[in-house]
Amino acid sequence: MFLRDYGDTEIGGFAISAADNLLLIEDVQLVKQQCTTVTVVFDDTAVADFFDEQVDAGRRPEQFARVWIHTHPGKSAEPSNTDEETFARCFGSSDWSIMAIVAAGGATYARLQFNVGPAAAITIPMEIDFTSEFPGSDCEAWEREYLACVRSMDAKWWDCRTSSLLDERLLDYDDTDWFTSMEAALTKEDYFD
């Protein structure tokens, strides 16, 4: 909940599952990412580094690379078309995966998808398991992780209208096509420092 409520953009991460219960999420790990109110773009190098760190820690891929969790800054937790496209592109080749969404209004969504055999997808409930041990809250560590990994592009997008923080290419697009124009600019530049 801390990471969901800390900023005003979407953020995303990988859920880390218990070794003996892959549906029990014990942690959520952020990676370096560019975020807006409607998108999250992970840094490919940061994802590769995260995967390496998890393998080095003795985890299996199904513990750290199957559950994609992200936030929606509004009240709806329903997946957007972008969410669906991302899930299909990034997790479609996994034998199983979960897309989980936590909305600022408190709504949640989770879908378990099987991509082998007679492929299937089912919506599953999300709940907090108070019977499992939890090492406690560390808001300062969570804030450090957020600040180290999450870079909001919304401020840059709106500021570029007056101060050209991105570049003049964005000014050529009208407001009704802002999402496409921002994605076009992001694909032409590397905004991960």
Protein backbone atom coordinates (compact mmCIF):
# COMPACT_ATOMS: atom_id res chain seq x y z
CA MET A 1 0.00 0.00 0.00
CA PHE A 2 2.89 2.35 0.72
CA LEU A 3 4.26 2.13 -2.82
CA ARG A 4 0.75 2.43 -4.30
CA ASP A 5 0.08 5.65 -2.42
CA TYR A 6 3.53 7.26 -2.48
CA GLY A 7 3.33 8.84 -5.94
CA ASP A 8 0.66 9.86 -8.39
CA THR A 9 1.74 7.65 -11.29
CA GLU A 10 1.47 3.96 -12.00
CA ILE A 11 4.39 1.94 -10.71
CA GLY A 12 5.22 -1.68 -11.35
CA GLY A 13 7.31 -4.43 -9.93
CA PHE A 14 7.88 -8.12 -9.60
CA ALA A 15 6.27 -10.05 -6.76
CA ILE A 16 8.51 -12.47 -4.91
CA SER A 17 6.68 -15.65 -3.92
CA ALA A 18 7.24 -18.04 -1.08
CA ALA A 19 9.24 -21.10 -2.16
CA ASP A 20 6.56 -23.51 -0.92
CA ASN A 21 3.50 -21.48 -2.00
CA LEU A 22 3.91 -19.58 -5.25
CA LEU A 23 0.63 -17.69 -4.73
CA LEU A 24 1.84 -16.27 -1.40
CA ILE A 25 3.62 -13.01 -2.20
CA GLU A 26 6.26 -12.21 0.40
CA ASP A 27 7.74 -9.09 -1.20
CA VAL A 28 7.43 -6.74 -4.15
CA GLN A 29 10.63 -5.60 -5.81
CA LEU A 30 10.78 -2.47 -7.92
CA VAL A 31 13.22 -2.03 -10.79
CA LYS A 32 14.27 1.18 -12.47
CA GLN A 33 11.28 2.47 -14.45
CA GLN A 34 9.74 5.43 -16.23
CA CYS A 35 6.14 6.06 -15.16
CA THR A 36 3.14 8.13 -16.12
CA THR A 37 -0.42 8.03 -14.86
CA VAL A 38 -1.17 5.39 -17.51
CA THR A 39 2.12 3.59 -18.27
CA VAL A 40 5.14 1.92 -16.72
CA VAL A 41 8.29 1.24 -18.76
CA PHE A 42 10.90 -0.96 -17.07
CA ASP A 43 14.58 -0.46 -17.79
CA ASP A 44 15.73 -3.66 -19.53
CA THR A 45 19.12 -3.66 -17.80
CA ALA A 46 17.48 -3.25 -14.39
CA VAL A 47 15.18 -6.21 -15.09
CA ALA A 48 18.16 -8.36 -16.15
CA ASP A 49 20.07 -7.31 -13.02
CA PHE A 50 17.05 -8.10 -10.83
CA PHE A 51 16.74 -11.57 -12.38
CA ASP A 52 20.47 -12.22 -11.83
CA GLU A 53 20.22 -11.10 -8.19
CA GLN A 54 17.25 -13.39 -7.58
CA VAL A 55 18.99 -16.42 -9.10
CA ASP A 56 22.10 -15.61 -7.04
CA ALA A 57 19.85 -15.53 -3.94
CA GLY A 58 18.77 -19.09 -4.71
CA ARG A 59 15.29 -18.35 -6.02
CA ARG A 60 13.71 -20.14 -8.96
CA PRO A 61 12.19 -18.07 -11.82
CA GLU A 62 8.68 -19.06 -10.78
CA GLN A 63 9.32 -17.29 -7.46
CA PHE A 64 10.30 -13.91 -8.95
CA ALA A 65 9.43 -13.75 -12.66
CA ARG A 66 5.80 -14.86 -12.87
CA VAL A 67 3.81 -12.23 -10.95
CA TRP A 68 3.69 -8.73 -12.40
CA ILE A 69 2.11 -6.32 -9.97
CA HIS A 70 1.42 -2.68 -10.70
CA THR A 71 -0.70 0.16 -9.48
CA HIS A 72 -3.38 2.31 -11.03
CA PRO A 73 -3.53 5.84 -9.59
CA GLY A 74 -7.32 5.96 -10.03
CA LYS A 75 -10.10 3.90 -8.47
CA SER A 76 -10.29 1.23 -11.19
CA ALA A 77 -8.16 -1.90 -11.02
CA GLU A 78 -9.45 -3.24 -14.33
CA PRO A 79 -6.63 -3.93 -16.82
CA SER A 80 -6.24 -1.39 -19.61
CA ASN A 81 -5.47 -2.35 -23.21
CA THR A 82 -1.86 -1.39 -22.50
CA ASP A 83 -1.86 -3.71 -19.47
CA GLU A 84 -3.20 -6.56 -21.60
CA GLU A 85 -0.65 -5.97 -24.37
CA THR A 86 2.22 -5.78 -21.86
CA PHE A 87 1.10 -8.93 -20.08
CA ALA A 88 0.82 -10.86 -23.35
CA ARG A 89 4.18 -9.60 -24.65
CA CYS A 90 6.20 -10.02 -21.45
CA PHE A 91 4.56 -13.03 -19.81
CA GLY A 92 2.88 -14.86 -22.69
CA SER A 93 5.71 -17.35 -23.09
CA SER A 94 5.80 -18.29 -19.39
CA ASP A 95 4.07 -21.54 -18.48
CA TRP A 96 1.98 -19.56 -15.98
CA SER A 97 1.84 -15.95 -14.81
CA ILE A 98 -0.25 -13.49 -12.85
CA MET A 99 -1.16 -9.89 -13.58
CA ALA A 100 -2.06 -8.11 -10.34
CA ILE A 101 -3.32 -4.53 -10.10
CA VAL A 102 -3.84 -2.47 -6.97
CA ALA A 103 -5.77 0.78 -7.49
CA ALA A 104 -5.48 3.91 -5.37
CA GLY A 105 -9.15 3.64 -4.48
CA GLY A 106 -8.54 0.22 -2.88
CA ALA A 107 -9.85 -1.96 -5.71
CA THR A 108 -7.74 -4.96 -6.73
CA TYR A 109 -7.55 -7.29 -9.70
CA ALA A 110 -5.57 -10.49 -10.24
CA ARG A 111 -5.64 -12.95 -13.10
CA LEU A 112 -3.82 -16.27 -13.18
CA GLN A 113 -2.99 -17.32 -16.72
CA PHE A 114 -1.81 -20.71 -17.94
CA ASN A 115 -0.02 -20.60 -21.28
CA VAL A 116 0.59 -24.35 -21.72
CA GLY A 117 -1.69 -27.26 -22.47
CA PRO A 118 -5.26 -26.08 -22.81
CA ALA A 119 -4.35 -22.46 -22.02
CA ALA A 120 -6.71 -20.80 -19.56
CA ALA A 121 -7.07 -17.64 -17.52
CA ILE A 122 -9.02 -17.15 -14.32
CA THR A 123 -9.58 -14.14 -12.12
CA ILE A 124 -8.40 -14.88 -8.61
CA PRO A 125 -9.01 -13.02 -5.34
CA MET A 126 -6.31 -10.95 -3.65
CA GLU A 127 -6.15 -10.84 0.12
CA ILE A 128 -3.71 -10.19 2.92
CA ASP A 129 -2.67 -13.32 4.80
CA PHE A 130 -2.27 -12.23 8.41
CA THR A 131 -1.29 -15.76 9.48
CA SER A 132 2.09 -15.58 7.72
CA GLU A 133 5.11 -14.04 9.37
CA PHE A 134 5.87 -10.53 8.18
CA PRO A 135 9.15 -8.83 9.02
CA GLY A 136 7.42 -5.51 9.59
CA SER A 137 7.05 -2.21 7.86
CA ASP A 138 10.07 -0.24 6.82
CA CYS A 139 8.67 2.91 5.28
CA GLU A 140 12.11 4.53 5.03
CA ALA A 141 13.50 1.59 3.02
CA TRP A 142 10.39 1.57 0.83
CA GLU A 143 10.76 5.29 0.19
CA ARG A 144 14.44 4.86 -0.73
CA GLU A 145 13.51 2.04 -3.13
CA TYR A 146 10.75 4.15 -4.71
CA LEU A 147 13.01 7.18 -5.14
CA ALA A 148 15.83 5.06 -6.57
CA CYS A 149 13.63 3.21 -9.07
CA VAL A 150 10.64 5.33 -10.08
CA ARG A 151 10.99 8.26 -12.41
CA SER A 152 7.78 10.12 -13.16
CA MET A 153 7.44 11.27 -16.73
CA ASP A 154 4.17 13.13 -16.10
CA ALA A 155 5.94 16.17 -14.70
CA LYS A 156 8.30 16.23 -17.66
CA TRP A 157 5.43 15.81 -20.10
CA TRP A 158 3.44 18.73 -18.76
CA ASP A 159 6.50 20.90 -18.16
CA CYS A 160 7.67 20.34 -21.72
CA ARG A 161 4.72 22.44 -22.91
CA THR A 162 6.45 25.48 -21.47
CA SER A 163 10.07 24.61 -20.79
CA SER A 164 10.83 21.89 -23.39
CA LEU A 165 12.17 19.37 -20.89
CA LEU A 166 11.77 16.55 -23.36
CA ASP A 167 12.13 18.27 -26.72
CA GLU A 168 10.21 20.10 -29.42
CA ARG A 169 8.93 16.87 -31.03
CA LEU A 170 6.21 16.57 -28.41
CA LEU A 171 4.86 20.02 -29.15
CA ASP A 172 3.91 18.91 -32.66
CA TYR A 173 1.24 16.55 -31.28
CA ASP A 174 -2.17 17.68 -30.12
CA ASP A 175 -3.48 16.93 -26.63
CA THR A 176 -5.82 14.17 -27.80
CA ASP A 177 -2.82 12.11 -28.86
CA TRP A 178 -0.56 12.80 -25.88
CA PHE A 179 -0.09 9.13 -24.98
CA THR A 180 1.16 8.20 -28.45
CA SER A 181 3.39 11.26 -28.61
CA MET A 182 4.99 10.50 -25.26
CA GLU A 183 5.65 6.89 -26.23
CA ALA A 184 7.16 8.08 -29.53
CA ALA A 185 9.50 10.43 -27.68
CA LEU A 186 10.48 7.73 -25.17
CA THR A 187 11.41 5.31 -27.94
CA LYS A 188 13.72 7.91 -29.52
CA GLU A 189 15.54 8.85 -26.31
CA ASP A 190 16.99 6.98 -23.37
CA TYR A 191 15.55 8.55 -20.24
CA PHE A 192 17.07 6.01 -17.85
CA ASP A 193 20.10 7.60 -16.22
